[in-house]
Amino acid sequence: MIRKYIIVQTNKSDHNEQTMETRNSEREVIHYAGILASRGGLEDDIEINRIFSFNEFGKVDHHEIEFQKGKLTLTTLPQQA
């Protein structure tokens, strides 16, 4: 099953400009979040607001990044009615 991940982020250094980054796998999302965290405000102050994904059938899931057992993981949030 093909799944695309969308990262909604805000650049606090650039008048709170909101942008979206597209990634193709969980691994790419975690890698991107790790890069942002390691920058530590050196260039831009970018904050991740939301992460969601969708598959080829249009099913949308929302995610968050957590630190578990010494590494970053992408967990799916429960569906809300």
C-alpha atoms as a PDB file:
ATOM      1  CA  MET A   1       0.000   0.000   0.000  1.00  0.00           C
ATOM      2  CA  ILE A   2       1.334   3.391  -1.003  1.00  0.00           C
ATOM      3  CA  ARG A   3       1.244   6.069   1.695  1.00  0.00           C
ATOM      4  CA  LYS A   4       2.275   9.742   1.501  1.00  0.00           C
ATOM      5  CA  TYR A   5       3.138  11.779   4.585  1.00  0.00           C
ATOM      6  CA  ILE A   6       2.505  15.517   4.882  1.00  0.00           C
ATOM      7  CA  ILE A   7       4.354  17.558   7.520  1.00  0.00           C
ATOM      8  CA  VAL A   8       2.709  20.905   8.317  1.00  0.00           C
ATOM      9  CA  GLN A   9       5.274  23.265   9.799  1.00  0.00           C
ATOM     10  CA  THR A  10       5.588  26.890  10.875  1.00  0.00           C
ATOM     11  CA  ASN A  11       8.706  28.988  10.394  1.00  0.00           C
ATOM     12  CA  LYS A  12       8.732  31.229  13.471  1.00  0.00           C
ATOM     13  CA  SER A  13      11.699  33.226  12.100  1.00  0.00           C
ATOM     14  CA  ASP A  14       9.817  34.150   8.923  1.00  0.00           C
ATOM     15  CA  HIS A  15       6.611  35.822  10.206  1.00  0.00           C
ATOM     16  CA  ASN A  16       5.018  32.460  11.125  1.00  0.00           C
ATOM     17  CA  GLU A  17       4.958  31.307   7.504  1.00  0.00           C
ATOM     18  CA  GLN A  18       3.265  27.911   7.278  1.00  0.00           C
ATOM     19  CA  THR A  19       4.524  25.352   4.758  1.00  0.00           C
ATOM     20  CA  MET A  20       4.050  21.671   3.987  1.00  0.00           C
ATOM     21  CA  GLU A  21       6.714  19.060   3.323  1.00  0.00           C
ATOM     22  CA  THR A  22       5.894  15.761   1.614  1.00  0.00           C
ATOM     23  CA  ARG A  23       7.663  12.521   2.467  1.00  0.00           C
ATOM     24  CA  ASN A  24       7.237   8.957   1.162  1.00  0.00           C
ATOM     25  CA  SER A  25       7.878   6.852   4.276  1.00  0.00           C
ATOM     26  CA  GLU A  26       7.883   6.873   8.062  1.00  0.00           C
ATOM     27  CA  ARG A  27      11.649   6.683   7.978  1.00  0.00           C
ATOM     28  CA  GLU A  28      11.862   9.896   5.897  1.00  0.00           C
ATOM     29  CA  VAL A  29       9.488  11.695   8.299  1.00  0.00           C
ATOM     30  CA  ILE A  30      11.555  10.707  11.341  1.00  0.00           C
ATOM     31  CA  HIS A  31      14.767  11.668   9.550  1.00  0.00           C
ATOM     32  CA  TYR A  32      13.353  15.095   8.645  1.00  0.00           C
ATOM     33  CA  ALA A  33      12.171  15.688  12.235  1.00  0.00           C
ATOM     34  CA  GLY A  34      15.616  14.705  13.507  1.00  0.00           C
ATOM     35  CA  ILE A  35      17.276  17.207  11.169  1.00  0.00           C
ATOM     36  CA  LEU A  36      14.972  19.979  12.411  1.00  0.00           C
ATOM     37  CA  ALA A  37      15.657  19.075  16.045  1.00  0.00           C
ATOM     38  CA  SER A  38      19.429  18.991  15.552  1.00  0.00           C
ATOM     39  CA  ARG A  39      19.519  22.429  13.921  1.00  0.00           C
ATOM     40  CA  GLY A  40      18.599  23.945  17.282  1.00  0.00           C
ATOM     41  CA  GLY A  41      17.566  27.307  15.875  1.00  0.00           C
ATOM     42  CA  LEU A  42      20.782  27.888  13.955  1.00  0.00           C
ATOM     43  CA  GLU A  43      19.057  29.047  10.769  1.00  0.00           C
ATOM     44  CA  ASP A  44      15.291  29.105  11.125  1.00  0.00           C
ATOM     45  CA  ASP A  45      13.046  28.347  14.069  1.00  0.00           C
ATOM     46  CA  ILE A  46      10.823  25.697  12.444  1.00  0.00           C
ATOM     47  CA  GLU A  47       8.106  23.970  14.459  1.00  0.00           C
ATOM     48  CA  ILE A  48       6.176  20.900  13.260  1.00  0.00           C
ATOM     49  CA  ASN A  49       2.460  21.492  13.802  1.00  0.00           C
ATOM     50  CA  ARG A  50       0.930  18.324  12.376  1.00  0.00           C
ATOM     51  CA  ILE A  51       1.838  15.169  10.558  1.00  0.00           C
ATOM     52  CA  PHE A  52      -0.754  13.292   8.574  1.00  0.00           C
ATOM     53  CA  SER A  53      -0.716  10.641   5.895  1.00  0.00           C
ATOM     54  CA  PHE A  54      -3.040   9.278   3.269  1.00  0.00           C
ATOM     55  CA  ASN A  55      -3.121   6.180   1.114  1.00  0.00           C
ATOM     56  CA  GLU A  56      -4.297   5.595  -2.460  1.00  0.00           C
ATOM     57  CA  PHE A  57      -7.874   5.050  -1.227  1.00  0.00           C
ATOM     58  CA  GLY A  58      -8.017   8.416   0.557  1.00  0.00           C
ATOM     59  CA  LYS A  59      -7.815   7.101   4.136  1.00  0.00           C
ATOM     60  CA  VAL A  60      -6.208   9.787   6.323  1.00  0.00           C
ATOM     61  CA  ASP A  61      -4.272   9.096   9.539  1.00  0.00           C
ATOM     62  CA  HIS A  62      -2.768  11.647  11.924  1.00  0.00           C
ATOM     63  CA  HIS A  63       0.609  11.021  13.547  1.00  0.00           C
ATOM     64  CA  GLU A  64       2.969  12.348  16.179  1.00  0.00           C
ATOM     65  CA  ILE A  65       6.646  11.791  16.837  1.00  0.00           C
ATOM     66  CA  GLU A  66       7.568  10.299  20.195  1.00  0.00           C
ATOM     67  CA  PHE A  67      10.858   9.413  21.835  1.00  0.00           C
ATOM     68  CA  GLN A  68      10.627   5.770  22.940  1.00  0.00           C
ATOM     69  CA  LYS A  69      13.357   3.399  24.084  1.00  0.00           C
ATOM     70  CA  GLY A  70      16.117   5.734  22.987  1.00  0.00           C
ATOM     71  CA  LYS A  71      14.878   6.551  19.489  1.00  0.00           C
ATOM     72  CA  LEU A  72      12.277   8.583  17.636  1.00  0.00           C
ATOM     73  CA  THR A  73       9.144   6.763  16.507  1.00  0.00           C
ATOM     74  CA  LEU A  74       6.144   7.816  14.468  1.00  0.00           C
ATOM     75  CA  THR A  75       2.892   6.784  16.167  1.00  0.00           C
ATOM     76  CA  THR A  76      -0.596   6.940  14.710  1.00  0.00           C
ATOM     77  CA  LEU A  77      -3.107   8.879  16.764  1.00  0.00           C
ATOM     78  CA  PRO A  78      -6.517   7.287  17.433  1.00  0.00           C
ATOM     79  CA  GLN A  79      -9.372   8.316  15.153  1.00  0.00           C
ATOM     80  CA  GLN A  80     -11.640  11.043  16.494  1.00  0.00           C
ATOM     81  CA  ALA A  81     -15.355  11.082  15.813  1.00  0.00           C
END
